[in-house]
């Protein structure tokens, strides 16, 4: 067991690094496509739609609640490892709340813009 733990940590860190690189790549790709949409005058490009239906919203809400519970459980145990985990859970809760709020603002803005465009003659 003591030999498998460092191997599992290395494997997990490689997977997390690969996922981070993929997220960075997709983010740069999305930003560059969005910049092309706003800089070109007569363009046929469209912005990609963000899916903020009930499933992603509920998944984010469940994540926020579960991370908050884990934060409070880890915060009660006064060891360095639990302190690091509680700090990590606290950061996850904060970043997920910001992401959820920004997604909801985007939905409201799209609905408001759609209603304004239907009122114009």
C-alpha atoms as a PDB file:
ATOM      1  CA  UNK A   1       0.000   0.000   0.000  1.00  0.00           C
ATOM      2  CA  UNK A   2       2.811   2.458   0.786  1.00  0.00           C
ATOM      3  CA  UNK A   3       4.266   1.913  -2.665  1.00  0.00           C
ATOM      4  CA  UNK A   4       0.982   2.365  -4.492  1.00  0.00           C
ATOM      5  CA  UNK A   5       0.143   5.717  -2.938  1.00  0.00           C
ATOM      6  CA  UNK A   6       2.958   7.709  -4.662  1.00  0.00           C
ATOM      7  CA  UNK A   7       2.193   5.979  -7.948  1.00  0.00           C
ATOM      8  CA  UNK A   8      -1.490   6.887  -7.648  1.00  0.00           C
ATOM      9  CA  UNK A   9      -0.547  10.491  -6.871  1.00  0.00           C
ATOM     10  CA  UNK A  10       1.665  10.698  -9.950  1.00  0.00           C
ATOM     11  CA  UNK A  11      -1.017   9.162 -12.194  1.00  0.00           C
ATOM     12  CA  UNK A  12      -3.694  11.477 -10.833  1.00  0.00           C
ATOM     13  CA  UNK A  13      -1.473  14.535 -11.239  1.00  0.00           C
ATOM     14  CA  UNK A  14      -0.752  13.619 -14.871  1.00  0.00           C
ATOM     15  CA  UNK A  15      -4.482  13.245 -15.540  1.00  0.00           C
ATOM     16  CA  UNK A  16      -5.224  16.590 -13.858  1.00  0.00           C
ATOM     17  CA  UNK A  17      -2.417  18.268 -15.814  1.00  0.00           C
ATOM     18  CA  UNK A  18      -3.795  16.899 -19.093  1.00  0.00           C
ATOM     19  CA  UNK A  19      -7.295  18.099 -18.180  1.00  0.00           C
ATOM     20  CA  UNK A  20      -5.943  21.550 -17.325  1.00  0.00           C
ATOM     21  CA  UNK A  21      -4.102  21.794 -20.633  1.00  0.00           C
ATOM     22  CA  UNK A  22      -7.288  20.794 -22.468  1.00  0.00           C
ATOM     23  CA  UNK A  23      -9.316  23.435 -20.614  1.00  0.00           C
ATOM     24  CA  UNK A  24      -6.696  26.095 -21.427  1.00  0.00           C
ATOM     25  CA  UNK A  25      -6.674  25.050 -25.099  1.00  0.00           C
ATOM     26  CA  UNK A  26     -10.473  25.165 -25.358  1.00  0.00           C
ATOM     27  CA  UNK A  27     -10.569  28.531 -23.572  1.00  0.00           C
ATOM     28  CA  UNK A  28      -8.024  30.091 -25.920  1.00  0.00           C
ATOM     29  CA  UNK A  29      -9.862  28.638 -28.922  1.00  0.00           C
ATOM     30  CA  UNK A  30     -13.207  30.014 -27.724  1.00  0.00           C
ATOM     31  CA  UNK A  31     -11.757  33.439 -26.952  1.00  0.00           C
ATOM     32  CA  UNK A  32     -10.058  33.688 -30.342  1.00  0.00           C
ATOM     33  CA  UNK A  33     -13.270  32.684 -32.143  1.00  0.00           C
ATOM     34  CA  UNK A  34     -15.243  35.205 -30.096  1.00  0.00           C
ATOM     35  CA  UNK A  35     -12.715  37.946 -30.851  1.00  0.00           C
ATOM     36  CA  UNK A  36     -13.064  37.205 -34.556  1.00  0.00           C
ATOM     37  CA  UNK A  37     -16.817  37.598 -34.253  1.00  0.00           C
ATOM     38  CA  UNK A  38     -16.494  41.047 -32.684  1.00  0.00           C
ATOM     39  CA  UNK A  39     -13.654  42.408 -34.853  1.00  0.00           C
ATOM     40  CA  UNK A  40     -14.883  41.484 -38.343  1.00  0.00           C
ATOM     41  CA  UNK A  41     -17.533  43.743 -39.843  1.00  0.00           C
ATOM     42  CA  UNK A  42     -19.381  41.490 -42.287  1.00  0.00           C
ATOM     43  CA  UNK A  43     -18.917  38.074 -40.766  1.00  0.00           C
ATOM     44  CA  UNK A  44     -20.893  34.884 -40.946  1.00  0.00           C
ATOM     45  CA  UNK A  45     -19.393  33.662 -37.677  1.00  0.00           C
ATOM     46  CA  UNK A  46     -21.689  33.057 -34.759  1.00  0.00           C
ATOM     47  CA  UNK A  47     -20.970  32.884 -31.071  1.00  0.00           C
ATOM     48  CA  UNK A  48     -21.231  29.462 -29.486  1.00  0.00           C
ATOM     49  CA  UNK A  49     -24.256  28.949 -27.293  1.00  0.00           C
ATOM     50  CA  UNK A  50     -23.639  28.167 -23.649  1.00  0.00           C
ATOM     51  CA  UNK A  51     -25.882  25.430 -22.306  1.00  0.00           C
ATOM     52  CA  UNK A  52     -27.278  26.642 -18.986  1.00  0.00           C
ATOM     53  CA  UNK A  53     -30.286  24.360 -18.803  1.00  0.00           C
ATOM     54  CA  UNK A  54     -31.526  22.673 -15.644  1.00  0.00           C
ATOM     55  CA  UNK A  55     -28.879  19.921 -15.765  1.00  0.00           C
ATOM     56  CA  UNK A  56     -25.735  22.115 -15.564  1.00  0.00           C
ATOM     57  CA  UNK A  57     -27.351  24.433 -13.036  1.00  0.00           C
ATOM     58  CA  UNK A  58     -28.363  21.538 -10.797  1.00  0.00           C
ATOM     59  CA  UNK A  59     -24.934  19.904 -11.176  1.00  0.00           C
ATOM     60  CA  UNK A  60     -23.253  23.131 -10.110  1.00  0.00           C
ATOM     61  CA  UNK A  61     -25.666  23.550  -7.193  1.00  0.00           C
ATOM     62  CA  UNK A  62     -24.997  19.987  -5.992  1.00  0.00           C
ATOM     63  CA  UNK A  63     -21.249  20.613  -6.319  1.00  0.00           C
ATOM     64  CA  UNK A  64     -21.479  23.841  -4.330  1.00  0.00           C
ATOM     65  CA  UNK A  65     -23.491  22.210  -1.538  1.00  0.00           C
ATOM     66  CA  UNK A  66     -21.277  19.110  -1.348  1.00  0.00           C
ATOM     67  CA  UNK A  67     -18.072  21.170  -1.342  1.00  0.00           C
ATOM     68  CA  UNK A  68     -19.507  23.436   1.369  1.00  0.00           C
ATOM     69  CA  UNK A  69     -20.326  20.400   3.513  1.00  0.00           C
ATOM     70  CA  UNK A  70     -16.833  19.004   2.945  1.00  0.00           C
ATOM     71  CA  UNK A  71     -15.361  22.386   3.838  1.00  0.00           C
ATOM     72  CA  UNK A  72     -17.162  22.459   7.187  1.00  0.00           C
ATOM     73  CA  UNK A  73     -16.208  18.854   7.948  1.00  0.00           C
ATOM     74  CA  UNK A  74     -12.542  19.421   7.094  1.00  0.00           C
ATOM     75  CA  UNK A  75     -12.429  22.759   8.914  1.00  0.00           C
ATOM     76  CA  UNK A  76     -13.353  21.091  12.208  1.00  0.00           C
ATOM     77  CA  UNK A  77     -10.283  18.826  12.142  1.00  0.00           C
ATOM     78  CA  UNK A  78      -7.165  20.796  13.058  1.00  0.00           C
ATOM     79  CA  UNK A  79      -4.390  19.073  11.107  1.00  0.00           C
ATOM     80  CA  UNK A  80      -2.282  20.536   8.280  1.00  0.00           C
ATOM     81  CA  UNK A  81      -3.759  18.149   5.704  1.00  0.00           C
ATOM     82  CA  UNK A  82      -7.341  18.949   6.695  1.00  0.00           C
ATOM     83  CA  UNK A  83      -6.531  22.659   6.743  1.00  0.00           C
ATOM     84  CA  UNK A  84      -5.276  22.412   3.156  1.00  0.00           C
ATOM     85  CA  UNK A  85      -8.355  20.436   2.117  1.00  0.00           C
ATOM     86  CA  UNK A  86     -10.722  22.893   3.781  1.00  0.00           C
ATOM     87  CA  UNK A  87      -8.995  25.780   2.023  1.00  0.00           C
ATOM     88  CA  UNK A  88      -9.302  23.921  -1.293  1.00  0.00           C
ATOM     89  CA  UNK A  89     -13.004  23.249  -0.725  1.00  0.00           C
ATOM     90  CA  UNK A  90     -13.564  26.885   0.226  1.00  0.00           C
ATOM     91  CA  UNK A  91     -11.918  28.032  -3.019  1.00  0.00           C
ATOM     92  CA  UNK A  92     -13.995  25.538  -5.003  1.00  0.00           C
ATOM     93  CA  UNK A  93     -17.208  26.835  -3.434  1.00  0.00           C
ATOM     94  CA  UNK A  94     -16.288  30.447  -4.216  1.00  0.00           C
ATOM     95  CA  UNK A  95     -15.274  29.770  -7.823  1.00  0.00           C
ATOM     96  CA  UNK A  96     -18.354  27.623  -8.495  1.00  0.00           C
ATOM     97  CA  UNK A  97     -20.646  30.312  -7.087  1.00  0.00           C
ATOM     98  CA  UNK A  98     -19.034  32.912  -9.357  1.00  0.00           C
ATOM     99  CA  UNK A  99     -19.345  30.588 -12.373  1.00  0.00           C
ATOM    100  CA  UNK A 100     -23.002  29.884 -11.597  1.00  0.00           C
ATOM    101  CA  UNK A 101     -23.805  33.586 -11.178  1.00  0.00           C
ATOM    102  CA  UNK A 102     -22.052  34.478 -14.447  1.00  0.00           C
ATOM    103  CA  UNK A 103     -23.933  31.731 -16.290  1.00  0.00           C
ATOM    104  CA  UNK A 104     -27.239  32.920 -14.886  1.00  0.00           C
ATOM    105  CA  UNK A 105     -26.404  36.516 -15.841  1.00  0.00           C
ATOM    106  CA  UNK A 106     -25.741  35.269 -19.366  1.00  0.00           C
ATOM    107  CA  UNK A 107     -29.125  33.547 -19.501  1.00  0.00           C
ATOM    108  CA  UNK A 108     -30.944  36.646 -18.252  1.00  0.00           C
ATOM    109  CA  UNK A 109     -29.029  38.859 -20.685  1.00  0.00           C
ATOM    110  CA  UNK A 110     -29.868  36.573 -23.622  1.00  0.00           C
ATOM    111  CA  UNK A 111     -33.550  36.488 -22.685  1.00  0.00           C
ATOM    112  CA  UNK A 112     -33.629  40.254 -22.266  1.00  0.00           C
ATOM    113  CA  UNK A 113     -31.857  40.794 -25.596  1.00  0.00           C
ATOM    114  CA  UNK A 114     -34.243  38.366 -27.350  1.00  0.00           C
ATOM    115  CA  UNK A 115     -37.281  40.194 -26.002  1.00  0.00           C
ATOM    116  CA  UNK A 116     -35.857  43.562 -27.066  1.00  0.00           C
ATOM    117  CA  UNK A 117     -35.153  42.260 -30.566  1.00  0.00           C
ATOM    118  CA  UNK A 118     -38.746  41.045 -30.933  1.00  0.00           C
ATOM    119  CA  UNK A 119     -40.100  44.478 -29.937  1.00  0.00           C
ATOM    120  CA  UNK A 120     -38.136  46.304 -32.637  1.00  0.00           C
ATOM    121  CA  UNK A 121     -40.013  46.961 -35.852  1.00  0.00           C
END
